C-alpha atoms as a PDB file:
ATOM      1  CA  LYS A   1      29.088 -24.640   5.457  1.00  0.00           C
ATOM      2  CA  THR A   2      27.750 -24.243   8.964  1.00  0.00           C
ATOM      3  CA  ARG A   3      24.787 -26.228  10.255  1.00  0.00           C
ATOM      4  CA  MET A   4      22.623 -23.115  10.129  1.00  0.00           C
ATOM      5  CA  GLU A   5      23.512 -22.476   6.496  1.00  0.00           C
ATOM      6  CA  ARG A   6      22.622 -26.073   5.596  1.00  0.00           C
ATOM      7  CA  LEU A   7      19.331 -25.791   7.458  1.00  0.00           C
ATOM      8  CA  LEU A   8      18.420 -22.536   5.758  1.00  0.00           C
ATOM      9  CA  ARG A   9      19.277 -23.990   2.375  1.00  0.00           C
ATOM     10  CA  LYS A  10      16.782 -26.789   2.977  1.00  0.00           C
ATOM     11  CA  CYS A  11      14.099 -24.146   3.590  1.00  0.00           C
ATOM     12  CA  ARG A  12      14.633 -22.595   0.182  1.00  0.00           C
ATOM     13  CA  ILE A  13      11.520 -22.478  -2.012  1.00  0.00           C
ATOM     14  CA  LYS A  14      12.090 -22.868  -5.732  1.00  0.00           C
ATOM     15  CA  ASN A  15       8.619 -22.004  -6.994  1.00  0.00           C
ATOM     16  CA  MET A  16       8.893 -18.405  -8.189  1.00  0.00           C
ATOM     17  CA  LEU A  17       5.243 -17.501  -7.666  1.00  0.00           C
ATOM     18  CA  VAL A  18       5.358 -18.663  -4.055  1.00  0.00           C
ATOM     19  CA  ARG A  19       8.523 -16.638  -3.471  1.00  0.00           C
ATOM     20  CA  GLU A  20       6.928 -13.560  -5.022  1.00  0.00           C
ATOM     21  CA  CYS A  21       3.801 -13.938  -2.887  1.00  0.00           C
ATOM     22  CA  MET A  22       5.867 -14.261   0.285  1.00  0.00           C
ATOM     23  CA  ALA A  23       7.827 -11.152  -0.672  1.00  0.00           C
ATOM     24  CA  GLU A  24       4.597  -9.220  -1.242  1.00  0.00           C
ATOM     25  CA  CYS A  25       3.285 -10.392   2.124  1.00  0.00           C
ATOM     26  CA  LEU A  26       6.422  -9.265   3.944  1.00  0.00           C
ATOM     27  CA  GLY A  27       6.618  -5.964   2.056  1.00  0.00           C
ATOM     28  CA  VAL A  28       3.039  -5.040   2.997  1.00  0.00           C
ATOM     29  CA  TYR A  29       3.718  -6.222   6.550  1.00  0.00           C
ATOM     30  CA  VAL A  30       6.573  -3.706   6.827  1.00  0.00           C
ATOM     31  CA  LEU A  31       4.419  -0.961   5.314  1.00  0.00           C
ATOM     32  CA  ILE A  32       1.539  -1.475   7.753  1.00  0.00           C
ATOM     33  CA  LEU A  33       3.795  -2.125  10.746  1.00  0.00           C
ATOM     34  CA  PHE A  34       5.337   1.344  10.426  1.00  0.00           C
ATOM     35  CA  GLY A  35       2.206   3.086   9.133  1.00  0.00           C
ATOM     36  CA  CYS A  36      -0.347   1.791  11.638  1.00  0.00           C
ATOM     37  CA  GLY A  37       2.324   1.797  14.333  1.00  0.00           C
ATOM     38  CA  SER A  38       2.762   5.525  13.878  1.00  0.00           C
ATOM     39  CA  ALA A  39      -1.020   5.990  14.031  1.00  0.00           C
ATOM     40  CA  ALA A  40      -1.185   3.980  17.258  1.00  0.00           C
ATOM     41  CA  GLN A  41       1.525   6.106  18.846  1.00  0.00           C
ATOM     42  CA  VAL A  42      -0.114   9.394  17.899  1.00  0.00           C
ATOM     43  CA  ILE A  43      -3.664   8.389  18.883  1.00  0.00           C
ATOM     44  CA  THR A  44      -2.986   6.584  22.163  1.00  0.00           C
ATOM     45  CA  SER A  45      -0.649   9.347  23.357  1.00  0.00           C
ATOM     46  CA  GLN A  46      -3.292  11.956  22.456  1.00  0.00           C
ATOM     47  CA  GLU A  47      -0.733  13.604  20.153  1.00  0.00           C
ATOM     48  CA  ARG A  48       1.869  14.007  22.868  1.00  0.00           C
ATOM     49  CA  ASN A  49       4.191  11.679  20.944  1.00  0.00           C
ATOM     50  CA  GLY A  50       3.548  12.870  17.421  1.00  0.00           C
ATOM     51  CA  GLN A  51       0.967  14.615  15.266  1.00  0.00           C
ATOM     52  CA  TYR A  52      -0.764  13.960  11.942  1.00  0.00           C
ATOM     53  CA  LEU A  53       2.490  14.517  10.059  1.00  0.00           C
ATOM     54  CA  SER A  54       4.021  11.675  12.066  1.00  0.00           C
ATOM     55  CA  ILE A  55       1.459   9.313  10.557  1.00  0.00           C
ATOM     56  CA  ASN A  56       2.187  10.658   7.074  1.00  0.00           C
ATOM     57  CA  LEU A  57       5.890  10.017   7.586  1.00  0.00           C
ATOM     58  CA  GLY A  58       5.239   6.575   9.059  1.00  0.00           C
ATOM     59  CA  PHE A  59       3.301   5.424   6.017  1.00  0.00           C
ATOM     60  CA  ALA A  60       5.700   7.084   3.568  1.00  0.00           C
ATOM     61  CA  LEU A  61       8.767   5.448   5.092  1.00  0.00           C
ATOM     62  CA  GLY A  62       6.810   2.219   5.492  1.00  0.00           C
ATOM     63  CA  VAL A  63       6.271   2.222   1.728  1.00  0.00           C
ATOM     64  CA  THR A  64       9.952   2.974   1.126  1.00  0.00           C
ATOM     65  CA  PHE A  65      11.228   0.115   3.272  1.00  0.00           C
ATOM     66  CA  GLY A  66       8.460  -2.213   2.133  1.00  0.00           C
ATOM     67  CA  VAL A  67       9.694  -1.659  -1.408  1.00  0.00           C
ATOM     68  CA  PHE A  68      13.299  -2.314  -0.406  1.00  0.00           C
ATOM     69  CA  VAL A  69      12.283  -5.544   1.357  1.00  0.00           C
ATOM     70  CA  SER A  70      10.439  -7.090  -1.580  1.00  0.00           C
ATOM     71  CA  ARG A  71      11.405  -5.383  -4.823  1.00  0.00           C
ATOM     72  CA  GLY A  72      14.180  -7.803  -5.780  1.00  0.00           C
ATOM     73  CA  VAL A  73      11.788 -10.766  -5.674  1.00  0.00           C
ATOM     74  CA  SER A  74       8.299  -9.552  -6.565  1.00  0.00           C
ATOM     75  CA  GLY A  75       8.886  -5.950  -7.626  1.00  0.00           C
ATOM     76  CA  ALA A  76       7.059  -4.761  -4.501  1.00  0.00           C
ATOM     77  CA  HIS A  77       3.599  -3.921  -5.776  1.00  0.00           C
ATOM     78  CA  LEU A  78       2.348  -3.822  -2.159  1.00  0.00           C
ATOM     79  CA  ASN A  79      -1.085  -2.855  -3.442  1.00  0.00           C
ATOM     80  CA  PRO A  80      -3.733  -4.854  -5.371  1.00  0.00           C
ATOM     81  CA  ALA A  81      -4.661  -1.703  -7.286  1.00  0.00           C
ATOM     82  CA  VAL A  82      -1.071  -1.410  -8.527  1.00  0.00           C
ATOM     83  CA  THR A  83      -1.024  -5.078  -9.513  1.00  0.00           C
ATOM     84  CA  LEU A  84      -4.307  -4.553 -11.369  1.00  0.00           C
ATOM     85  CA  SER A  85      -2.850  -1.600 -13.267  1.00  0.00           C
ATOM     86  CA  LEU A  86       0.274  -3.528 -14.229  1.00  0.00           C
ATOM     87  CA  CYS A  87      -1.853  -6.400 -15.464  1.00  0.00           C
ATOM     88  CA  SER A  88      -3.878  -3.988 -17.591  1.00  0.00           C
ATOM     89  CA  LEU A  89      -0.631  -2.727 -19.124  1.00  0.00           C
ATOM     90  CA  GLY A  90       0.584  -6.246 -19.840  1.00  0.00           C
ATOM     91  CA  ARG A  91       3.495  -5.898 -17.418  1.00  0.00           C
ATOM     92  CA  CYS A  92       2.191  -8.565 -15.054  1.00  0.00           C
ATOM     93  CA  ARG A  93       0.319 -11.770 -15.849  1.00  0.00           C
ATOM     94  CA  TRP A  94      -3.342 -11.780 -14.859  1.00  0.00           C
ATOM     95  CA  ILE A  95      -2.972 -15.178 -13.206  1.00  0.00           C
ATOM     96  CA  LYS A  96      -0.812 -13.552 -10.536  1.00  0.00           C
ATOM     97  CA  LEU A  97      -3.413 -10.950  -9.529  1.00  0.00           C
ATOM     98  CA  PRO A  98      -5.497 -13.056  -7.093  1.00  0.00           C
ATOM     99  CA  PHE A  99      -2.402 -14.582  -5.484  1.00  0.00           C
ATOM    100  CA  TYR A 100      -0.686 -11.235  -5.029  1.00  0.00           C
ATOM    101  CA  ALA A 101      -3.859  -9.650  -3.668  1.00  0.00           C
ATOM    102  CA  PHE A 102      -4.426 -12.418  -1.134  1.00  0.00           C
ATOM    103  CA  PHE A 103      -0.898 -12.262   0.242  1.00  0.00           C
ATOM    104  CA  GLN A 104      -0.947  -8.460   0.313  1.00  0.00           C
ATOM    105  CA  VAL A 105      -4.099  -8.596   2.444  1.00  0.00           C
ATOM    106  CA  LEU A 106      -2.521 -11.284   4.624  1.00  0.00           C
ATOM    107  CA  GLY A 107       0.564  -9.149   5.225  1.00  0.00           C
ATOM    108  CA  ALA A 108      -1.608  -6.200   6.255  1.00  0.00           C
ATOM    109  CA  PHE A 109      -3.667  -8.433   8.575  1.00  0.00           C
ATOM    110  CA  LEU A 110      -0.571  -9.793  10.311  1.00  0.00           C
ATOM    111  CA  ALA A 111       0.950  -6.326  10.680  1.00  0.00           C
ATOM    112  CA  ALA A 112      -2.257  -4.994  12.242  1.00  0.00           C
ATOM    113  CA  ALA A 113      -2.176  -7.879  14.702  1.00  0.00           C
ATOM    114  CA  THR A 114       1.437  -7.019  15.555  1.00  0.00           C
ATOM    115  CA  VAL A 115       0.616  -3.356  16.164  1.00  0.00           C
ATOM    116  CA  ALA A 116      -2.369  -4.316  18.335  1.00  0.00           C
ATOM    117  CA  LEU A 117      -0.151  -6.615  20.389  1.00  0.00           C
ATOM    118  CA  GLN A 118       2.590  -4.016  20.765  1.00  0.00           C
ATOM    119  CA  TYR A 119       0.153  -1.260  21.760  1.00  0.00           C
ATOM    120  CA  TYR A 120      -2.314  -3.439  23.673  1.00  0.00           C
ATOM    121  CA  ASP A 121      -1.835  -1.699  27.025  1.00  0.00           C
ATOM    122  CA  ALA A 122      -1.847   1.756  25.434  1.00  0.00           C
ATOM    123  CA  ILE A 123      -5.068   1.013  23.527  1.00  0.00           C
ATOM    124  CA  GLN A 124      -6.751  -0.328  26.662  1.00  0.00           C
ATOM    125  CA  MET A 125      -5.714   2.727  28.683  1.00  0.00           C
ATOM    126  CA  TYR A 126      -6.737   5.224  26.024  1.00  0.00           C
ATOM    127  CA  SER A 127     -10.106   3.586  25.301  1.00  0.00           C
ATOM    128  CA  GLY A 128     -10.965   2.709  28.878  1.00  0.00           C
ATOM    129  CA  GLY A 129     -11.145  -0.941  27.906  1.00  0.00           C
ATOM    130  CA  GLN A 130     -13.893  -0.309  25.330  1.00  0.00           C
ATOM    131  CA  LEU A 131     -12.885  -1.096  21.740  1.00  0.00           C
ATOM    132  CA  THR A 132     -15.001   1.352  19.753  1.00  0.00           C
ATOM    133  CA  VAL A 133     -15.154   2.433  16.130  1.00  0.00           C
ATOM    134  CA  THR A 134     -16.611   5.905  16.669  1.00  0.00           C
ATOM    135  CA  GLY A 135     -16.567   8.409  19.493  1.00  0.00           C
ATOM    136  CA  PRO A 136     -13.939  10.456  21.332  1.00  0.00           C
ATOM    137  CA  THR A 137     -11.855   7.424  22.369  1.00  0.00           C
ATOM    138  CA  SER A 138     -12.330   5.278  19.269  1.00  0.00           C
ATOM    139  CA  THR A 139      -9.317   3.195  18.273  1.00  0.00           C
ATOM    140  CA  ALA A 140     -10.443   1.365  15.121  1.00  0.00           C
ATOM    141  CA  GLY A 141      -9.010   4.256  13.095  1.00  0.00           C
ATOM    142  CA  ILE A 142      -5.522   3.163  14.139  1.00  0.00           C
ATOM    143  CA  PHE A 143      -5.867   0.238  11.764  1.00  0.00           C
ATOM    144  CA  SER A 144      -8.268   1.136   8.950  1.00  0.00           C
ATOM    145  CA  THR A 145      -9.653   4.275   7.372  1.00  0.00           C
ATOM    146  CA  TYR A 146     -13.013   5.865   8.163  1.00  0.00           C
ATOM    147  CA  PRO A 147     -14.645   8.924   6.587  1.00  0.00           C
ATOM    148  CA  ALA A 148     -14.855  12.323   8.239  1.00  0.00           C
ATOM    149  CA  ASP A 149     -18.296  13.172   9.625  1.00  0.00           C
ATOM    150  CA  TYR A 150     -19.010  15.556   6.753  1.00  0.00           C
ATOM    151  CA  LEU A 151     -18.029  13.117   3.984  1.00  0.00           C
ATOM    152  CA  SER A 152     -20.694  11.225   2.036  1.00  0.00           C
ATOM    153  CA  VAL A 153     -20.026   7.753   0.705  1.00  0.00           C
ATOM    154  CA  TRP A 154     -19.896   8.981  -2.880  1.00  0.00           C
ATOM    155  CA  GLY A 155     -17.729  11.902  -1.843  1.00  0.00           C
ATOM    156  CA  GLY A 156     -15.396   9.286  -0.404  1.00  0.00           C
ATOM    157  CA  VAL A 157     -15.414   7.350  -3.668  1.00  0.00           C
ATOM    158  CA  ILE A 158     -14.338  10.488  -5.535  1.00  0.00           C
ATOM    159  CA  ASP A 159     -11.689  11.174  -2.887  1.00  0.00           C
ATOM    160  CA  GLN A 160     -10.162   7.701  -3.243  1.00  0.00           C
ATOM    161  CA  VAL A 161     -10.350   7.685  -7.034  1.00  0.00           C
ATOM    162  CA  ILE A 162      -8.493  11.000  -7.266  1.00  0.00           C
ATOM    163  CA  GLY A 163      -5.916  10.053  -4.636  1.00  0.00           C
ATOM    164  CA  THR A 164      -5.099   6.673  -6.163  1.00  0.00           C
ATOM    165  CA  ALA A 165      -5.011   8.118  -9.666  1.00  0.00           C
ATOM    166  CA  ALA A 166      -2.461  10.657  -8.431  1.00  0.00           C
ATOM    167  CA  LEU A 167      -0.460   7.832  -6.870  1.00  0.00           C
ATOM    168  CA  LEU A 168      -0.310   5.870 -10.123  1.00  0.00           C
ATOM    169  CA  LEU A 169       0.653   8.993 -12.072  1.00  0.00           C
ATOM    170  CA  CYS A 170       3.623   9.424  -9.761  1.00  0.00           C
ATOM    171  CA  ILE A 171       4.597   5.757  -9.805  1.00  0.00           C
ATOM    172  CA  LEU A 172       4.420   5.407 -13.579  1.00  0.00           C
ATOM    173  CA  ALA A 173       6.434   8.589 -14.013  1.00  0.00           C
ATOM    174  CA  LEU A 174       9.104   7.276 -11.655  1.00  0.00           C
ATOM    175  CA  GLY A 175       9.394   4.096 -13.686  1.00  0.00           C
ATOM    176  CA  ASP A 176       9.352   5.767 -17.098  1.00  0.00           C
ATOM    177  CA  GLN A 177      13.024   6.075 -17.999  1.00  0.00           C
ATOM    178  CA  SER A 178      12.166   7.621 -21.374  1.00  0.00           C
ATOM    179  CA  ASN A 179      10.646  10.537 -19.492  1.00  0.00           C
ATOM    180  CA  THR A 180      13.212  11.205 -16.754  1.00  0.00           C
ATOM    181  CA  PHE A 181      16.081   8.943 -15.757  1.00  0.00           C
ATOM    182  CA  ILE A 182      16.058   8.217 -12.042  1.00  0.00           C
ATOM    183  CA  PRO A 183      18.811   6.072 -10.467  1.00  0.00           C
ATOM    184  CA  ASP A 184      17.470   2.715  -9.387  1.00  0.00           C
ATOM    185  CA  HIS A 185      18.269   3.150  -5.694  1.00  0.00           C
ATOM    186  CA  PHE A 186      16.372   6.468  -5.511  1.00  0.00           C
ATOM    187  CA  GLN A 187      13.099   5.095  -6.846  1.00  0.00           C
ATOM    188  CA  PRO A 188      11.825   3.535  -3.565  1.00  0.00           C
ATOM    189  CA  LEU A 189      12.566   6.809  -1.766  1.00  0.00           C
ATOM    190  CA  LEU A 190      10.533   8.753  -4.287  1.00  0.00           C
ATOM    191  CA  ALA A 191       7.730   6.175  -4.172  1.00  0.00           C
ATOM    192  CA  GLY A 192       7.514   6.859  -0.444  1.00  0.00           C
ATOM    193  CA  ALA A 193       7.637  10.594  -1.124  1.00  0.00           C
ATOM    194  CA  SER A 194       4.624  10.267  -3.431  1.00  0.00           C
ATOM    195  CA  VAL A 195       2.644   8.702  -0.570  1.00  0.00           C
ATOM    196  CA  LEU A 196       3.812  11.480   1.740  1.00  0.00           C
ATOM    197  CA  VAL A 197       2.641  14.282  -0.547  1.00  0.00           C
ATOM    198  CA  ILE A 198      -0.735  12.592  -1.079  1.00  0.00           C
ATOM    199  CA  GLY A 199      -1.103  12.222   2.690  1.00  0.00           C
ATOM    200  CA  VAL A 200      -0.394  15.870   3.457  1.00  0.00           C
ATOM    201  CA  SER A 201      -2.644  17.118   0.644  1.00  0.00           C
ATOM    202  CA  MET A 202      -5.484  14.567   0.413  1.00  0.00           C
ATOM    203  CA  GLY A 203      -5.651  12.852   3.783  1.00  0.00           C
ATOM    204  CA  SER A 204      -8.267  14.734   5.786  1.00  0.00           C
ATOM    205  CA  ASN A 205     -11.394  13.390   4.066  1.00  0.00           C
ATOM    206  CA  SER A 206     -10.917   9.707   4.781  1.00  0.00           C
ATOM    207  CA  GLY A 207      -7.318   8.905   5.622  1.00  0.00           C
ATOM    208  CA  TYR A 208      -5.970   8.245   2.088  1.00  0.00           C
ATOM    209  CA  ALA A 209      -6.157   4.441   2.025  1.00  0.00           C
ATOM    210  CA  LEU A 210      -5.256   4.230  -1.706  1.00  0.00           C
ATOM    211  CA  ASN A 211      -4.748   0.514  -1.228  1.00  0.00           C
ATOM    212  CA  PRO A 212      -7.404  -2.209  -0.798  1.00  0.00           C
ATOM    213  CA  ALA A 213      -5.019  -4.507   1.092  1.00  0.00           C
ATOM    214  CA  ARG A 214      -3.845  -1.749   3.437  1.00  0.00           C
ATOM    215  CA  ASP A 215      -7.435  -1.136   4.530  1.00  0.00           C
ATOM    216  CA  PHE A 216      -9.205  -4.496   4.290  1.00  0.00           C
ATOM    217  CA  GLY A 217      -6.600  -6.657   6.039  1.00  0.00           C
ATOM    218  CA  PRO A 218      -6.521  -4.522   9.214  1.00  0.00           C
ATOM    219  CA  ARG A 219     -10.315  -4.105   9.071  1.00  0.00           C
ATOM    220  CA  VAL A 220     -10.809  -7.864   9.155  1.00  0.00           C
ATOM    221  CA  PHE A 221      -8.382  -8.040  12.067  1.00  0.00           C
ATOM    222  CA  THR A 222     -10.307  -5.442  14.064  1.00  0.00           C
ATOM    223  CA  TYR A 223     -13.558  -7.295  13.358  1.00  0.00           C
ATOM    224  CA  ILE A 224     -12.065 -10.475  14.802  1.00  0.00           C
ATOM    225  CA  ALA A 225     -10.142  -8.826  17.653  1.00  0.00           C
ATOM    226  CA  GLY A 226     -13.068  -7.210  19.429  1.00  0.00           C
ATOM    227  CA  TRP A 227     -14.188  -4.078  17.584  1.00  0.00           C
ATOM    228  CA  GLY A 228     -17.009  -6.103  16.077  1.00  0.00           C
ATOM    229  CA  GLU A 229     -19.435  -5.503  13.216  1.00  0.00           C
ATOM    230  CA  ASP A 230     -19.229  -1.724  13.569  1.00  0.00           C
ATOM    231  CA  VAL A 231     -16.013  -1.768  11.536  1.00  0.00           C
ATOM    232  CA  PHE A 232     -18.200  -2.654   8.528  1.00  0.00           C
ATOM    233  CA  ARG A 233     -21.219  -0.536   9.492  1.00  0.00           C
ATOM    234  CA  ALA A 234     -19.501   2.751  10.323  1.00  0.00           C
ATOM    235  CA  GLY A 235     -19.592   5.604   7.854  1.00  0.00           C
ATOM    236  CA  GLY A 236     -22.761   4.338   6.190  1.00  0.00           C
ATOM    237  CA  GLY A 237     -21.161   1.040   5.224  1.00  0.00           C
ATOM    238  CA  TRP A 238     -17.885   2.693   4.252  1.00  0.00           C
ATOM    239  CA  TRP A 239     -15.791  -0.495   4.190  1.00  0.00           C
ATOM    240  CA  TRP A 240     -16.194  -1.208   0.456  1.00  0.00           C
ATOM    241  CA  VAL A 241     -15.035   2.234  -0.664  1.00  0.00           C
ATOM    242  CA  PRO A 242     -11.290   1.717   0.057  1.00  0.00           C
ATOM    243  CA  ILE A 243     -11.509  -1.562  -1.853  1.00  0.00           C
ATOM    244  CA  VAL A 244     -13.347  -0.539  -5.020  1.00  0.00           C
ATOM    245  CA  ALA A 245     -12.450   3.136  -5.468  1.00  0.00           C
ATOM    246  CA  PRO A 246      -8.626   2.686  -5.415  1.00  0.00           C
ATOM    247  CA  CYS A 247      -8.891   0.090  -8.182  1.00  0.00           C
ATOM    248  CA  ILE A 248     -10.904   2.514 -10.320  1.00  0.00           C
ATOM    249  CA  GLY A 249      -8.504   5.345  -9.502  1.00  0.00           C
ATOM    250  CA  ALA A 250      -5.451   3.237 -10.322  1.00  0.00           C
ATOM    251  CA  LEU A 251      -6.822   2.342 -13.746  1.00  0.00           C
ATOM    252  CA  LEU A 252      -7.783   5.977 -14.354  1.00  0.00           C
ATOM    253  CA  GLY A 253      -4.347   7.262 -13.371  1.00  0.00           C
ATOM    254  CA  THR A 254      -2.690   4.636 -15.552  1.00  0.00           C
ATOM    255  CA  LEU A 255      -4.859   5.564 -18.528  1.00  0.00           C
ATOM    256  CA  VAL A 256      -4.188   9.276 -18.101  1.00  0.00           C
ATOM    257  CA  TYR A 257      -0.409   8.839 -17.889  1.00  0.00           C
ATOM    258  CA  GLU A 258      -0.285   6.457 -20.828  1.00  0.00           C
ATOM    259  CA  LEU A 259      -2.453   8.651 -23.068  1.00  0.00           C
ATOM    260  CA  LEU A 260      -0.894  12.000 -22.162  1.00  0.00           C
ATOM    261  CA  VAL A 261       2.768  11.016 -21.741  1.00  0.00           C
ATOM    262  CA  GLU A 262       4.121   7.525 -22.271  1.00  0.00           C
ATOM    263  CA  VAL A 263       2.421   6.593 -25.526  1.00  0.00           C
ATOM    264  CA  HIS A 264       3.956   9.661 -27.189  1.00  0.00           C
ATOM    265  CA  HIS A 265       7.581   8.719 -26.563  1.00  0.00           C
ATOM    266  CA  PRO A 266       9.591   8.196 -29.769  1.00  0.00           C
ATOM    267  CA  SER A 267       9.146   4.607 -30.909  1.00  0.00           C
ATOM    268  CA  GLN A 268      12.626   4.347 -32.454  1.00  0.00           C
ATOM    269  CA  MET A 269      14.294   3.158 -29.263  1.00  0.00           C
ATOM    270  CA  SER A 270      16.978   0.530 -29.153  1.00  0.00           C
ATOM    271  CA  ASP A 271      16.277  -2.866 -27.641  1.00  0.00           C
ATOM    272  CA  ASP A 272      18.409  -1.878 -24.662  1.00  0.00           C
ATOM    273  CA  GLN A 273      16.307   1.219 -24.069  1.00  0.00           C
ATOM    274  CA  ASN A 274      13.097  -0.803 -24.233  1.00  0.00           C
ATOM    275  CA  LEU A 275      14.477  -3.322 -21.760  1.00  0.00           C
ATOM    276  CA  CYS A 276      15.563  -0.555 -19.398  1.00  0.00           C
ATOM    277  CA  LEU A 277      12.113   1.056 -19.531  1.00  0.00           C
ATOM    278  CA  GLU A 278      10.236  -2.157 -18.788  1.00  0.00           C
ATOM    279  CA  ASP A 279      12.621  -3.234 -16.053  1.00  0.00           C
ATOM    280  CA  SER A 280      12.456   0.121 -14.277  1.00  0.00           C
ATOM    281  CA  ALA A 281       8.692   0.414 -14.537  1.00  0.00           C
ATOM    282  CA  GLY A 282       8.456  -3.048 -13.080  1.00  0.00           C
ATOM    283  CA  LYS A 283      10.468  -2.186  -9.990  1.00  0.00           C
ATOM    284  CA  ILE A 284       8.624   0.884  -8.750  1.00  0.00           C
ATOM    285  CA  THR A 285       5.613   0.166  -6.570  1.00  0.00           C
ATOM    286  CA  LEU A 286       3.368   1.092  -3.761  1.00  0.00           C
ATOM    287  CA  GLU A 287       0.621   1.903  -1.719  1.00  0.00           C
ATOM    288  CA  ALA A 288      -0.503   2.201  -0.711  1.00  0.00           C
ATOM    289  CA  LEU A 289      -2.198   2.802   0.371  1.00  0.00           C
ATOM    290  CA  GLU A 290      -1.083   3.536   0.762  1.00  0.00           C
ATOM    291  CA  ALA A 291       0.395   3.490  -2.274  1.00  0.00           C
ATOM    292  CA  GLY A 292       1.893   0.525  -3.943  1.00  0.00           C
ATOM    293  CA  THR A 293       4.482  -0.042  -6.150  1.00  0.00           C
ATOM    294  CA  TYR A 294       5.888  -1.817  -9.193  1.00  0.00           C
ATOM    295  CA  LYS A 295       7.089  -5.174 -10.518  1.00  0.00           C
ATOM    296  CA  ARG A 296      10.095  -6.206 -12.477  1.00  0.00           C
ATOM    297  CA  ASN A 297       8.143  -8.318 -14.925  1.00  0.00           C
ATOM    298  CA  ALA A 298       9.347  -7.516 -18.398  1.00  0.00           C
ATOM    299  CA  SER A 299       9.307 -11.210 -19.171  1.00  0.00           C
ATOM    300  CA  SER A 300       5.642 -11.641 -18.238  1.00  0.00           C
END
C-alpha cells in the first residue's frame, strides 16, 4: 500500500453514527452548494445568467447529487423533517434525530459560507456594499427563504405544510416497491425531480424551503456574516415558519400516504419482499428543502 493509502486508513472512523452524521453533513452541503449557488448566480447577474427555473434546477440537481453522495452511508435524509417522518414510521431510531438534524444544519451553514465566499465580489457589486434583507438589491434571499409581500405568516405556514406534505408523498411512493418498482439507481433522480416539480408549482409564495436545515443553517450564517438581526425580523418574524411548518407537513404527508396507499398492500408478502420494501424506502430521501430523502435503516 502507498503512504497515502496508509494515512487515509488511519483516518477511518468506525463509529457508525459518526459516519452517518458526516455523510448527512456532506450531502446537505452539496445540496445547498448547488441550490444557493444557482440563486446567487441568478440574483447577482440580475437574471442575465439564468432565471427562476435555473434556481429550481439547481436545487433539484443538488438534491440528486446530495443523495448520491450520502445514501450508501446514512441513506441521505438531507432534511430533519424527513428524519422525523422516518422515526415516526419506525424506520429510523429516535436517538438519531437530534444528531442528524444538527449535522444537516451544519452542512447547510458551511455550504452557505462557501457560496458567500465564491460570490463575495458579485454580492458586493450587486448590493453596493450594503448587505440587506429587503429592498431592490437585497441579497439575503440568496441563502434563505423569505415570504412574498402579499403572504401572511399563517399563509406561509399553510404553504410550507402543503409543499412538504407533497414532498413526502412523492418520496414515500418512490420507496414503496409494493406500489411501483423503481430501479435503485433511478430513485435519486426522481427524488430530485420531485423537488423540481414542487419548485415550479409551489415556489412563488415563499421559496419552497421544505427543509428546516436548508433554511436555518444559511440564515444563521447570514446573521453572523453581516446581514444582521433583520434575517430573523423580516416577514413579520418569518424565520420559524420554515422550521416548524415542514415538520408538520412531513408528518401529514406521511400519514396520508400510509393511510391511503401503503397500509392497504397485501400483507402476505415473502420475507424477501418485506426486506426489499424496507431497504428501498430507507434509501430515498430529500429536501429539501428542499426536499430530503430516505435512510436504509431496516435494522433500526
